[in-house]
Amino acid sequence: MAATLLTPPATEPWTVADAKSFLRVEHDDDDALIAALIASARGQVEALTRRGLITQTWRLVLDGWPPDGRIAPRLAPLRAVTAARVYDAAGDAAAIDVERFVVDATTNAIAAPPWSLPPPGRTTAGIELDVTVGFGDSAPDVPDVLRHAVRTLVAHWYDNRGLAAIGASVAMLPGSVSAMIASYRVLSL
């Protein structure tokens, strides 16, 4: 199942001012760099955990409906199905009422009775579901340990932004960040 980001988060887990305070940066020269590091660190934590930290919208593309009617995307935490469509053989989309779908937050799955869903008319990418994922709309909604993982990664990248000396090793992901995000990872087989 392919997934495409439609609407990125409207905010970040940390403001530039908060990050500068953590970094002990007292000048404004690196504000753009710090903002970029915050966005990149959020993206890295989201990619490693497969969880949206701040509310965002994604499009899931499926070839067909699962026989049991349960779709388990590798994006979490699921909040809502906002749009659904199925394509016919000519490539024309027909909307499906999103009320047919139930978001099971406990198992992070989308459920619908398979008999109630129209079959796609094409064998590849015949179904699109737009879903909202994320812990919430603002930074306080994000679990503290994940926010701290973002902040720690920003600090690591800020301190190690130059070229590494020959023979020196600069880990791209500090062990402390790996430990912080470990319990939030969505694993797949």
C-alpha atoms as a PDB file:
ATOM      1  CA  MET A   1       0.000   0.000   0.000  1.00  0.00           C
ATOM      2  CA  ALA A   2       1.521   3.277  -1.115  1.00  0.00           C
ATOM      3  CA  ALA A   3       1.111   6.472   0.897  1.00  0.00           C
ATOM      4  CA  THR A   4       1.523  10.079  -0.220  1.00  0.00           C
ATOM      5  CA  LEU A   5       1.568  13.122   2.031  1.00  0.00           C
ATOM      6  CA  LEU A   6      -1.224  15.522   1.030  1.00  0.00           C
ATOM      7  CA  THR A   7      -1.204  18.080   3.839  1.00  0.00           C
ATOM      8  CA  PRO A   8       1.899  18.445   6.005  1.00  0.00           C
ATOM      9  CA  PRO A   9       1.710  19.487   9.642  1.00  0.00           C
ATOM     10  CA  ALA A  10       0.710  23.118  10.163  1.00  0.00           C
ATOM     11  CA  THR A  11       3.205  23.516  13.000  1.00  0.00           C
ATOM     12  CA  GLU A  12       6.271  21.833  14.444  1.00  0.00           C
ATOM     13  CA  PRO A  13       6.777  20.105  17.812  1.00  0.00           C
ATOM     14  CA  TRP A  14       9.180  22.901  18.842  1.00  0.00           C
ATOM     15  CA  THR A  15       9.394  26.582  18.024  1.00  0.00           C
ATOM     16  CA  VAL A  16      12.679  28.079  16.913  1.00  0.00           C
ATOM     17  CA  ALA A  17      12.790  30.041  20.182  1.00  0.00           C
ATOM     18  CA  ASP A  18      12.379  26.854  22.236  1.00  0.00           C
ATOM     19  CA  ALA A  19      15.064  25.079  20.233  1.00  0.00           C
ATOM     20  CA  LYS A  20      17.445  28.030  20.558  1.00  0.00           C
ATOM     21  CA  SER A  21      16.960  27.980  24.322  1.00  0.00           C
ATOM     22  CA  PHE A  22      17.767  24.250  24.428  1.00  0.00           C
ATOM     23  CA  LEU A  23      20.785  24.779  22.165  1.00  0.00           C
ATOM     24  CA  ARG A  24      21.892  27.826  24.189  1.00  0.00           C
ATOM     25  CA  VAL A  25      22.000  29.936  21.038  1.00  0.00           C
ATOM     26  CA  GLU A  26      21.640  33.640  21.819  1.00  0.00           C
ATOM     27  CA  HIS A  27      21.878  35.094  18.294  1.00  0.00           C
ATOM     28  CA  ASP A  28      19.448  35.100  15.376  1.00  0.00           C
ATOM     29  CA  ASP A  29      21.962  34.194  12.662  1.00  0.00           C
ATOM     30  CA  ASP A  30      21.015  30.497  12.645  1.00  0.00           C
ATOM     31  CA  ASP A  31      17.215  30.839  12.926  1.00  0.00           C
ATOM     32  CA  ALA A  32      16.561  29.532   9.403  1.00  0.00           C
ATOM     33  CA  LEU A  33      18.974  26.641   9.964  1.00  0.00           C
ATOM     34  CA  ILE A  34      17.366  25.748  13.294  1.00  0.00           C
ATOM     35  CA  ALA A  35      13.871  25.866  11.746  1.00  0.00           C
ATOM     36  CA  ALA A  36      15.045  23.518   8.987  1.00  0.00           C
ATOM     37  CA  LEU A  37      16.632  21.181  11.543  1.00  0.00           C
ATOM     38  CA  ILE A  38      13.387  21.053  13.541  1.00  0.00           C
ATOM     39  CA  ALA A  39      11.390  20.116  10.427  1.00  0.00           C
ATOM     40  CA  SER A  40      14.003  17.547   9.385  1.00  0.00           C
ATOM     41  CA  ALA A  41      14.219  16.021  12.861  1.00  0.00           C
ATOM     42  CA  ARG A  42      10.411  15.767  13.041  1.00  0.00           C
ATOM     43  CA  GLY A  43      10.438  14.067   9.648  1.00  0.00           C
ATOM     44  CA  GLN A  44      13.159  11.658  10.750  1.00  0.00           C
ATOM     45  CA  VAL A  45      11.314  10.722  13.954  1.00  0.00           C
ATOM     46  CA  GLU A  46       8.085  10.284  11.964  1.00  0.00           C
ATOM     47  CA  ALA A  47       9.826   8.098   9.371  1.00  0.00           C
ATOM     48  CA  LEU A  48      11.436   5.889  12.004  1.00  0.00           C
ATOM     49  CA  THR A  49       8.298   5.503  14.118  1.00  0.00           C
ATOM     50  CA  ARG A  50       5.805   5.635  11.224  1.00  0.00           C
ATOM     51  CA  ARG A  51       3.760   8.014  13.361  1.00  0.00           C
ATOM     52  CA  GLY A  52       2.657  11.512  12.469  1.00  0.00           C
ATOM     53  CA  LEU A  53       3.536  13.761  15.374  1.00  0.00           C
ATOM     54  CA  ILE A  54       1.325  16.702  14.409  1.00  0.00           C
ATOM     55  CA  THR A  55      -1.956  16.227  12.496  1.00  0.00           C
ATOM     56  CA  GLN A  56      -1.404  15.656   8.755  1.00  0.00           C
ATOM     57  CA  THR A  57      -3.289  14.156   5.821  1.00  0.00           C
ATOM     58  CA  TRP A  58      -2.090  11.223   3.723  1.00  0.00           C
ATOM     59  CA  ARG A  59      -3.486   9.389   0.696  1.00  0.00           C
ATOM     60  CA  LEU A  60      -3.378   5.594   0.818  1.00  0.00           C
ATOM     61  CA  VAL A  61      -3.525   3.771  -2.510  1.00  0.00           C
ATOM     62  CA  LEU A  62      -4.662   0.152  -2.646  1.00  0.00           C
ATOM     63  CA  ASP A  63      -5.124  -2.292  -5.506  1.00  0.00           C
ATOM     64  CA  GLY A  64      -8.146  -3.987  -3.918  1.00  0.00           C
ATOM     65  CA  TRP A  65     -10.129  -4.324  -0.706  1.00  0.00           C
ATOM     66  CA  PRO A  66      -8.752  -6.786   1.842  1.00  0.00           C
ATOM     67  CA  PRO A  67     -10.980  -9.863   2.204  1.00  0.00           C
ATOM     68  CA  ASP A  68     -11.588  -9.219   5.907  1.00  0.00           C
ATOM     69  CA  GLY A  69     -12.415  -5.528   5.376  1.00  0.00           C
ATOM     70  CA  ARG A  70      -9.572  -4.327   7.629  1.00  0.00           C
ATOM     71  CA  ILE A  71      -6.919  -1.990   6.263  1.00  0.00           C
ATOM     72  CA  ALA A  72      -3.826  -1.606   8.438  1.00  0.00           C
ATOM     73  CA  PRO A  73      -1.792   1.306   7.125  1.00  0.00           C
ATOM     74  CA  ARG A  74       1.748   1.763   8.324  1.00  0.00           C
ATOM     75  CA  LEU A  75       0.860   5.289   9.418  1.00  0.00           C
ATOM     76  CA  ALA A  76      -0.241   6.050  12.938  1.00  0.00           C
ATOM     77  CA  PRO A  77      -2.018   7.205  14.984  1.00  0.00           C
ATOM     78  CA  LEU A  78      -5.083   7.076  12.747  1.00  0.00           C
ATOM     79  CA  ARG A  79      -7.637   9.776  13.466  1.00  0.00           C
ATOM     80  CA  ALA A  80     -10.135   9.750  10.574  1.00  0.00           C
ATOM     81  CA  VAL A  81     -10.912   8.753   7.003  1.00  0.00           C
ATOM     82  CA  THR A  82     -11.658  12.051   5.254  1.00  0.00           C
ATOM     83  CA  ALA A  83     -12.261  10.871   1.680  1.00  0.00           C
ATOM     84  CA  ALA A  84     -12.531   7.606  -0.212  1.00  0.00           C
ATOM     85  CA  ARG A  85     -12.825   6.824  -3.907  1.00  0.00           C
ATOM     86  CA  VAL A  86     -12.754   3.822  -6.176  1.00  0.00           C
ATOM     87  CA  TYR A  87     -11.739   3.919  -9.843  1.00  0.00           C
ATOM     88  CA  ASP A  88     -13.527   2.149 -12.677  1.00  0.00           C
ATOM     89  CA  ALA A  89     -11.849   0.545 -15.705  1.00  0.00           C
ATOM     90  CA  ALA A  90     -11.938   3.873 -17.589  1.00  0.00           C
ATOM     91  CA  GLY A  91     -10.053   5.610 -14.756  1.00  0.00           C
ATOM     92  CA  ASP A  92     -13.025   7.612 -13.498  1.00  0.00           C
ATOM     93  CA  ALA A  93     -13.305   8.039  -9.730  1.00  0.00           C
ATOM     94  CA  ALA A  94     -16.477   7.443  -7.747  1.00  0.00           C
ATOM     95  CA  ALA A  95     -16.673   8.748  -4.196  1.00  0.00           C
ATOM     96  CA  ILE A  96     -17.441   6.373  -1.348  1.00  0.00           C
ATOM     97  CA  ASP A  97     -19.246   7.595   1.755  1.00  0.00           C
ATOM     98  CA  VAL A  98     -16.628   7.794   4.526  1.00  0.00           C
ATOM     99  CA  GLU A  99     -19.309   6.836   7.049  1.00  0.00           C
ATOM    100  CA  ARG A 100     -18.851   3.224   5.847  1.00  0.00           C
ATOM    101  CA  PHE A 101     -15.429   3.178   7.495  1.00  0.00           C
ATOM    102  CA  VAL A 102     -14.649   2.841  11.175  1.00  0.00           C
ATOM    103  CA  VAL A 103     -11.255   3.903  12.484  1.00  0.00           C
ATOM    104  CA  ASP A 104     -10.121   1.425  15.117  1.00  0.00           C
ATOM    105  CA  ALA A 105      -7.588   3.487  17.050  1.00  0.00           C
ATOM    106  CA  THR A 106      -6.697   0.575  19.327  1.00  0.00           C
ATOM    107  CA  THR A 107      -5.357  -1.580  16.490  1.00  0.00           C
ATOM    108  CA  ASN A 108      -4.622   1.357  14.157  1.00  0.00           C
ATOM    109  CA  ALA A 109      -6.833  -0.070  11.433  1.00  0.00           C
ATOM    110  CA  ILE A 110      -9.628   1.074   9.152  1.00  0.00           C
ATOM    111  CA  ALA A 111     -12.560  -1.330   9.057  1.00  0.00           C
ATOM    112  CA  ALA A 112     -15.564  -1.666   6.761  1.00  0.00           C
ATOM    113  CA  PRO A 113     -17.779  -4.604   5.835  1.00  0.00           C
ATOM    114  CA  PRO A 114     -16.221  -5.901   2.609  1.00  0.00           C
ATOM    115  CA  TRP A 115     -19.652  -6.554   1.052  1.00  0.00           C
ATOM    116  CA  SER A 116     -20.495  -2.834   1.388  1.00  0.00           C
ATOM    117  CA  LEU A 117     -17.529  -1.601  -0.656  1.00  0.00           C
ATOM    118  CA  PRO A 118     -17.672  -1.321  -4.451  1.00  0.00           C
ATOM    119  CA  PRO A 119     -14.906  -3.268  -6.193  1.00  0.00           C
ATOM    120  CA  PRO A 120     -12.375  -1.256  -8.172  1.00  0.00           C
ATOM    121  CA  GLY A 121     -12.599  -1.492 -11.955  1.00  0.00           C
ATOM    122  CA  ARG A 122      -8.850  -1.522 -12.450  1.00  0.00           C
ATOM    123  CA  THR A 123      -6.376  -3.953 -10.937  1.00  0.00           C
ATOM    124  CA  THR A 124      -3.709  -1.433  -9.976  1.00  0.00           C
ATOM    125  CA  ALA A 125      -4.267   1.623  -7.740  1.00  0.00           C
ATOM    126  CA  GLY A 126      -8.022   1.224  -7.904  1.00  0.00           C
ATOM    127  CA  ILE A 127      -8.723   2.601  -4.429  1.00  0.00           C
ATOM    128  CA  GLU A 128      -7.717   5.820  -2.692  1.00  0.00           C
ATOM    129  CA  LEU A 129      -8.326   6.647   0.945  1.00  0.00           C
ATOM    130  CA  ASP A 130      -7.445  10.028   2.427  1.00  0.00           C
ATOM    131  CA  VAL A 131      -6.684   9.693   6.131  1.00  0.00           C
ATOM    132  CA  THR A 132      -5.754  12.031   8.927  1.00  0.00           C
ATOM    133  CA  VAL A 133      -3.004  10.882  11.266  1.00  0.00           C
ATOM    134  CA  GLY A 134      -1.211  12.487  14.188  1.00  0.00           C
ATOM    135  CA  PHE A 135      -1.341  12.923  17.936  1.00  0.00           C
ATOM    136  CA  GLY A 136      -3.032  16.315  17.643  1.00  0.00           C
ATOM    137  CA  ASP A 137      -2.925  19.790  16.149  1.00  0.00           C
ATOM    138  CA  SER A 138      -0.298  21.324  18.426  1.00  0.00           C
ATOM    139  CA  ALA A 139       2.993  20.495  20.123  1.00  0.00           C
ATOM    140  CA  PRO A 140       1.521  19.733  23.585  1.00  0.00           C
ATOM    141  CA  ASP A 141      -0.506  16.886  21.989  1.00  0.00           C
ATOM    142  CA  VAL A 142       2.707  15.025  21.052  1.00  0.00           C
ATOM    143  CA  PRO A 143       4.077  12.618  23.691  1.00  0.00           C
ATOM    144  CA  ASP A 144       6.904  14.276  25.597  1.00  0.00           C
ATOM    145  CA  VAL A 145       9.432  11.554  24.792  1.00  0.00           C
ATOM    146  CA  LEU A 146       8.906  12.025  21.025  1.00  0.00           C
ATOM    147  CA  ARG A 147       9.152  15.807  21.359  1.00  0.00           C
ATOM    148  CA  HIS A 148      12.384  15.337  23.281  1.00  0.00           C
ATOM    149  CA  ALA A 149      13.680  12.963  20.602  1.00  0.00           C
ATOM    150  CA  VAL A 150      13.116  15.727  18.016  1.00  0.00           C
ATOM    151  CA  ARG A 151      14.864  18.284  20.226  1.00  0.00           C
ATOM    152  CA  THR A 152      17.803  15.940  20.896  1.00  0.00           C
ATOM    153  CA  LEU A 153      18.193  15.198  17.200  1.00  0.00           C
ATOM    154  CA  VAL A 154      18.151  18.947  16.413  1.00  0.00           C
ATOM    155  CA  ALA A 155      20.914  19.484  18.979  1.00  0.00           C
ATOM    156  CA  HIS A 156      22.955  16.592  17.571  1.00  0.00           C
ATOM    157  CA  TRP A 157      22.674  17.843  14.002  1.00  0.00           C
ATOM    158  CA  TYR A 158      23.337  21.447  15.026  1.00  0.00           C
ATOM    159  CA  ASP A 159      26.509  20.467  16.891  1.00  0.00           C
ATOM    160  CA  ASN A 160      27.709  18.114  14.123  1.00  0.00           C
ATOM    161  CA  ARG A 161      26.894  20.102  10.994  1.00  0.00           C
ATOM    162  CA  GLY A 162      30.466  20.445   9.766  1.00  0.00           C
ATOM    163  CA  LEU A 163      32.500  17.848   7.959  1.00  0.00           C
ATOM    164  CA  ALA A 164      33.655  15.010  10.159  1.00  0.00           C
ATOM    165  CA  ALA A 165      37.359  14.569  10.545  1.00  0.00           C
ATOM    166  CA  ILE A 166      38.921  11.705   8.638  1.00  0.00           C
ATOM    167  CA  GLY A 167      38.506   8.538  10.657  1.00  0.00           C
ATOM    168  CA  ALA A 168      35.947  10.121  12.995  1.00  0.00           C
ATOM    169  CA  SER A 169      32.458   8.703  13.232  1.00  0.00           C
ATOM    170  CA  VAL A 170      29.441  10.946  13.656  1.00  0.00           C
ATOM    171  CA  ALA A 171      26.334   8.823  14.087  1.00  0.00           C
ATOM    172  CA  MET A 172      23.381  10.121  12.101  1.00  0.00           C
ATOM    173  CA  LEU A 173      21.014   9.013  14.870  1.00  0.00           C
ATOM    174  CA  PRO A 174      22.308   9.128  18.430  1.00  0.00           C
ATOM    175  CA  GLY A 175      21.607   6.066  20.552  1.00  0.00           C
ATOM    176  CA  SER A 176      19.601   8.180  22.989  1.00  0.00           C
ATOM    177  CA  VAL A 177      17.157   9.123  20.211  1.00  0.00           C
ATOM    178  CA  SER A 178      16.840   5.485  19.134  1.00  0.00           C
ATOM    179  CA  ALA A 179      16.025   4.537  22.712  1.00  0.00           C
ATOM    180  CA  MET A 180      13.446   7.335  23.043  1.00  0.00           C
ATOM    181  CA  ILE A 181      11.507   6.336  19.947  1.00  0.00           C
ATOM    182  CA  ALA A 182      11.819   2.556  20.311  1.00  0.00           C
ATOM    183  CA  SER A 183       8.505   2.011  22.091  1.00  0.00           C
ATOM    184  CA  TYR A 184       6.619   4.151  19.539  1.00  0.00           C
ATOM    185  CA  ARG A 185       7.783   2.347  16.407  1.00  0.00           C
ATOM    186  CA  VAL A 186       5.089   0.805  14.220  1.00  0.00           C
ATOM    187  CA  LEU A 187       6.648  -2.450  13.082  1.00  0.00           C
ATOM    188  CA  SER A 188       5.793  -4.369   9.952  1.00  0.00           C
ATOM    189  CA  LEU A 189       6.506  -7.883   8.861  1.00  0.00           C
END
